[in-house]
Amino acid sequence: MDPLLLRTLHITAAIALFTSLGVILSESSPTCRKRASMLHGISLLAIIGLGFAMLHKPPMHQYWWMAKLGIWTFLGVAPVIAKRNLLPRPAILALCLLSGATAAYLGLAKPF
């Protein structure tokens, strides 16, 4: 596939992920939260699938992509943390935004 198309879909899935996190963390109706949870899961699958499609084969000697898998795992667990009230919702939102910024930095700079 075209690398530009893969990158565009990857970024679109990340935008959908953070949009769904915003709806899940807000005090919205159960129907909206359920739809947002579905969008959250679909977006995570798309991000991971498109990320590996862009890599073709993960570079085993570089560890930035493994760190990104850990970050996306945290972003996948964030709604569960919010639902069980383990952290205040503003703190979860701040951690998610910080995690997203870190994932973007790792994807662009590939520091290690």
C-alpha atoms as a PDB file:
ATOM      1  CA  MET A   1       0.000   0.000   0.000  1.00  0.00           C
ATOM      2  CA  ASP A   2       0.920   3.619  -0.379  1.00  0.00           C
ATOM      3  CA  PRO A   3       2.930   4.817   2.672  1.00  0.00           C
ATOM      4  CA  LEU A   4       1.135   8.176   2.644  1.00  0.00           C
ATOM      5  CA  LEU A   5      -2.250   6.442   2.836  1.00  0.00           C
ATOM      6  CA  LEU A   6      -1.050   4.232   5.708  1.00  0.00           C
ATOM      7  CA  ARG A   7       0.275   7.241   7.624  1.00  0.00           C
ATOM      8  CA  THR A   8      -2.943   9.195   7.048  1.00  0.00           C
ATOM      9  CA  LEU A   9      -5.101   6.306   8.266  1.00  0.00           C
ATOM     10  CA  HIS A  10      -2.791   5.810  11.269  1.00  0.00           C
ATOM     11  CA  ILE A  11      -3.133   9.464  12.285  1.00  0.00           C
ATOM     12  CA  THR A  12      -6.902   9.358  11.694  1.00  0.00           C
ATOM     13  CA  ALA A  13      -7.164   6.339  13.988  1.00  0.00           C
ATOM     14  CA  ALA A  14      -5.174   8.199  16.664  1.00  0.00           C
ATOM     15  CA  ILE A  15      -7.550  11.165  16.394  1.00  0.00           C
ATOM     16  CA  ALA A  16     -10.523   8.793  16.720  1.00  0.00           C
ATOM     17  CA  LEU A  17      -8.881   7.175  19.768  1.00  0.00           C
ATOM     18  CA  PHE A  18      -8.486  10.478  21.594  1.00  0.00           C
ATOM     19  CA  THR A  19     -11.978  11.576  20.599  1.00  0.00           C
ATOM     20  CA  SER A  20     -13.402   8.384  22.065  1.00  0.00           C
ATOM     21  CA  LEU A  21     -11.323   8.875  25.229  1.00  0.00           C
ATOM     22  CA  GLY A  22     -12.805  12.343  25.620  1.00  0.00           C
ATOM     23  CA  VAL A  23     -16.334  10.974  25.399  1.00  0.00           C
ATOM     24  CA  ILE A  24     -15.575   8.085  27.761  1.00  0.00           C
ATOM     25  CA  LEU A  25     -13.988  10.385  30.357  1.00  0.00           C
ATOM     26  CA  SER A  26     -16.852  12.890  30.208  1.00  0.00           C
ATOM     27  CA  GLU A  27     -20.101  12.367  32.037  1.00  0.00           C
ATOM     28  CA  SER A  28     -22.108  11.413  28.964  1.00  0.00           C
ATOM     29  CA  SER A  29     -25.037   9.060  28.536  1.00  0.00           C
ATOM     30  CA  PRO A  30     -24.444   5.286  28.671  1.00  0.00           C
ATOM     31  CA  THR A  31     -25.326   4.960  24.986  1.00  0.00           C
ATOM     32  CA  CYS A  32     -22.671   7.492  24.004  1.00  0.00           C
ATOM     33  CA  ARG A  33     -20.093   5.838  26.239  1.00  0.00           C
ATOM     34  CA  LYS A  34     -20.866   2.438  24.717  1.00  0.00           C
ATOM     35  CA  ARG A  35     -20.407   3.753  21.174  1.00  0.00           C
ATOM     36  CA  ALA A  36     -17.259   5.572  22.220  1.00  0.00           C
ATOM     37  CA  SER A  37     -15.918   2.351  23.747  1.00  0.00           C
ATOM     38  CA  MET A  38     -16.505   0.566  20.443  1.00  0.00           C
ATOM     39  CA  LEU A  39     -14.719   3.377  18.583  1.00  0.00           C
ATOM     40  CA  HIS A  40     -11.903   3.158  21.139  1.00  0.00           C
ATOM     41  CA  GLY A  41     -11.325  -0.547  20.502  1.00  0.00           C
ATOM     42  CA  ILE A  42     -11.585  -0.231  16.731  1.00  0.00           C
ATOM     43  CA  SER A  43      -9.165   2.709  16.776  1.00  0.00           C
ATOM     44  CA  LEU A  44      -6.630   0.797  18.857  1.00  0.00           C
ATOM     45  CA  LEU A  45      -6.760  -2.152  16.469  1.00  0.00           C
ATOM     46  CA  ALA A  46      -6.380   0.185  13.498  1.00  0.00           C
ATOM     47  CA  ILE A  47      -3.437   2.010  15.091  1.00  0.00           C
ATOM     48  CA  ILE A  48      -1.585  -1.213  15.852  1.00  0.00           C
ATOM     49  CA  GLY A  49      -2.396  -2.834  12.509  1.00  0.00           C
ATOM     50  CA  LEU A  50      -1.478   0.211  10.455  1.00  0.00           C
ATOM     51  CA  GLY A  51       1.658   0.781  12.531  1.00  0.00           C
ATOM     52  CA  PHE A  52       2.915  -2.706  11.775  1.00  0.00           C
ATOM     53  CA  ALA A  53       1.900  -2.303   8.126  1.00  0.00           C
ATOM     54  CA  MET A  54       4.080   0.804   7.934  1.00  0.00           C
ATOM     55  CA  LEU A  55       7.004  -1.013   9.568  1.00  0.00           C
ATOM     56  CA  HIS A  56       6.688  -4.079   7.284  1.00  0.00           C
ATOM     57  CA  LYS A  57       8.919  -5.949   9.720  1.00  0.00           C
ATOM     58  CA  PRO A  58       9.616  -4.545  13.195  1.00  0.00           C
ATOM     59  CA  PRO A  59      13.278  -3.549  13.641  1.00  0.00           C
ATOM     60  CA  MET A  60      14.300  -5.810  16.514  1.00  0.00           C
ATOM     61  CA  HIS A  61      17.489  -3.842  17.226  1.00  0.00           C
ATOM     62  CA  GLN A  62      15.458  -0.653  17.883  1.00  0.00           C
ATOM     63  CA  TYR A  63      13.259  -0.404  20.947  1.00  0.00           C
ATOM     64  CA  TRP A  64      11.110   2.661  20.229  1.00  0.00           C
ATOM     65  CA  TRP A  65       8.314   0.586  18.704  1.00  0.00           C
ATOM     66  CA  MET A  66       8.197  -1.636  21.808  1.00  0.00           C
ATOM     67  CA  ALA A  67       7.822   1.467  23.971  1.00  0.00           C
ATOM     68  CA  LYS A  68       4.983   2.594  21.718  1.00  0.00           C
ATOM     69  CA  LEU A  69       3.229  -0.752  22.243  1.00  0.00           C
ATOM     70  CA  GLY A  70       3.404  -0.116  25.983  1.00  0.00           C
ATOM     71  CA  ILE A  71       1.980   3.370  25.527  1.00  0.00           C
ATOM     72  CA  TRP A  72      -0.894   2.101  23.373  1.00  0.00           C
ATOM     73  CA  THR A  73      -1.567  -0.589  25.979  1.00  0.00           C
ATOM     74  CA  PHE A  74      -1.892   2.114  28.637  1.00  0.00           C
ATOM     75  CA  LEU A  75      -4.228   4.075  26.377  1.00  0.00           C
ATOM     76  CA  GLY A  76      -6.283   0.914  25.935  1.00  0.00           C
ATOM     77  CA  VAL A  77      -6.577   0.434  29.709  1.00  0.00           C
ATOM     78  CA  ALA A  78      -7.384   4.105  30.449  1.00  0.00           C
ATOM     79  CA  PRO A  79     -11.184   3.673  30.152  1.00  0.00           C
ATOM     80  CA  VAL A  80     -11.054   0.823  32.681  1.00  0.00           C
ATOM     81  CA  ILE A  81      -9.085   3.037  35.080  1.00  0.00           C
ATOM     82  CA  ALA A  82     -11.730   5.739  34.639  1.00  0.00           C
ATOM     83  CA  LYS A  83     -14.661   3.365  35.077  1.00  0.00           C
ATOM     84  CA  ARG A  84     -13.265   1.935  38.325  1.00  0.00           C
ATOM     85  CA  ASN A  85     -12.386   5.433  39.621  1.00  0.00           C
ATOM     86  CA  LEU A  86      -8.765   4.469  40.313  1.00  0.00           C
ATOM     87  CA  LEU A  87      -7.592   7.974  39.377  1.00  0.00           C
ATOM     88  CA  PRO A  88      -9.439  11.272  38.985  1.00  0.00           C
ATOM     89  CA  ARG A  89     -10.662  11.795  35.428  1.00  0.00           C
ATOM     90  CA  PRO A  90      -8.597  14.983  34.849  1.00  0.00           C
ATOM     91  CA  ALA A  91      -5.463  13.061  35.862  1.00  0.00           C
ATOM     92  CA  ILE A  92      -6.333  10.245  33.441  1.00  0.00           C
ATOM     93  CA  LEU A  93      -6.877  12.790  30.673  1.00  0.00           C
ATOM     94  CA  ALA A  94      -3.521  14.446  31.395  1.00  0.00           C
ATOM     95  CA  LEU A  95      -1.732  11.082  31.420  1.00  0.00           C
ATOM     96  CA  CYS A  96      -3.397  10.092  28.143  1.00  0.00           C
ATOM     97  CA  LEU A  97      -2.382  13.346  26.455  1.00  0.00           C
ATOM     98  CA  LEU A  98       1.168  12.986  27.751  1.00  0.00           C
ATOM     99  CA  SER A  99       1.260   9.377  26.540  1.00  0.00           C
ATOM    100  CA  GLY A 100      -0.003  10.414  23.103  1.00  0.00           C
ATOM    101  CA  ALA A 101       2.632  13.132  22.837  1.00  0.00           C
ATOM    102  CA  THR A 102       5.316  10.641  23.861  1.00  0.00           C
ATOM    103  CA  ALA A 103       4.103   8.131  21.265  1.00  0.00           C
ATOM    104  CA  ALA A 104       4.188  10.832  18.590  1.00  0.00           C
ATOM    105  CA  TYR A 105       7.728  11.795  19.586  1.00  0.00           C
ATOM    106  CA  LEU A 106       8.889   8.177  19.516  1.00  0.00           C
ATOM    107  CA  GLY A 107       7.318   7.644  16.101  1.00  0.00           C
ATOM    108  CA  LEU A 108       8.847  10.748  14.579  1.00  0.00           C
ATOM    109  CA  ALA A 109      12.291  10.898  16.224  1.00  0.00           C
ATOM    110  CA  LYS A 110      12.949   7.164  16.827  1.00  0.00           C
ATOM    111  CA  PRO A 111      15.459   8.070  19.562  1.00  0.00           C
ATOM    112  CA  PHE A 112      16.523   4.531  20.500  1.00  0.00           C
END
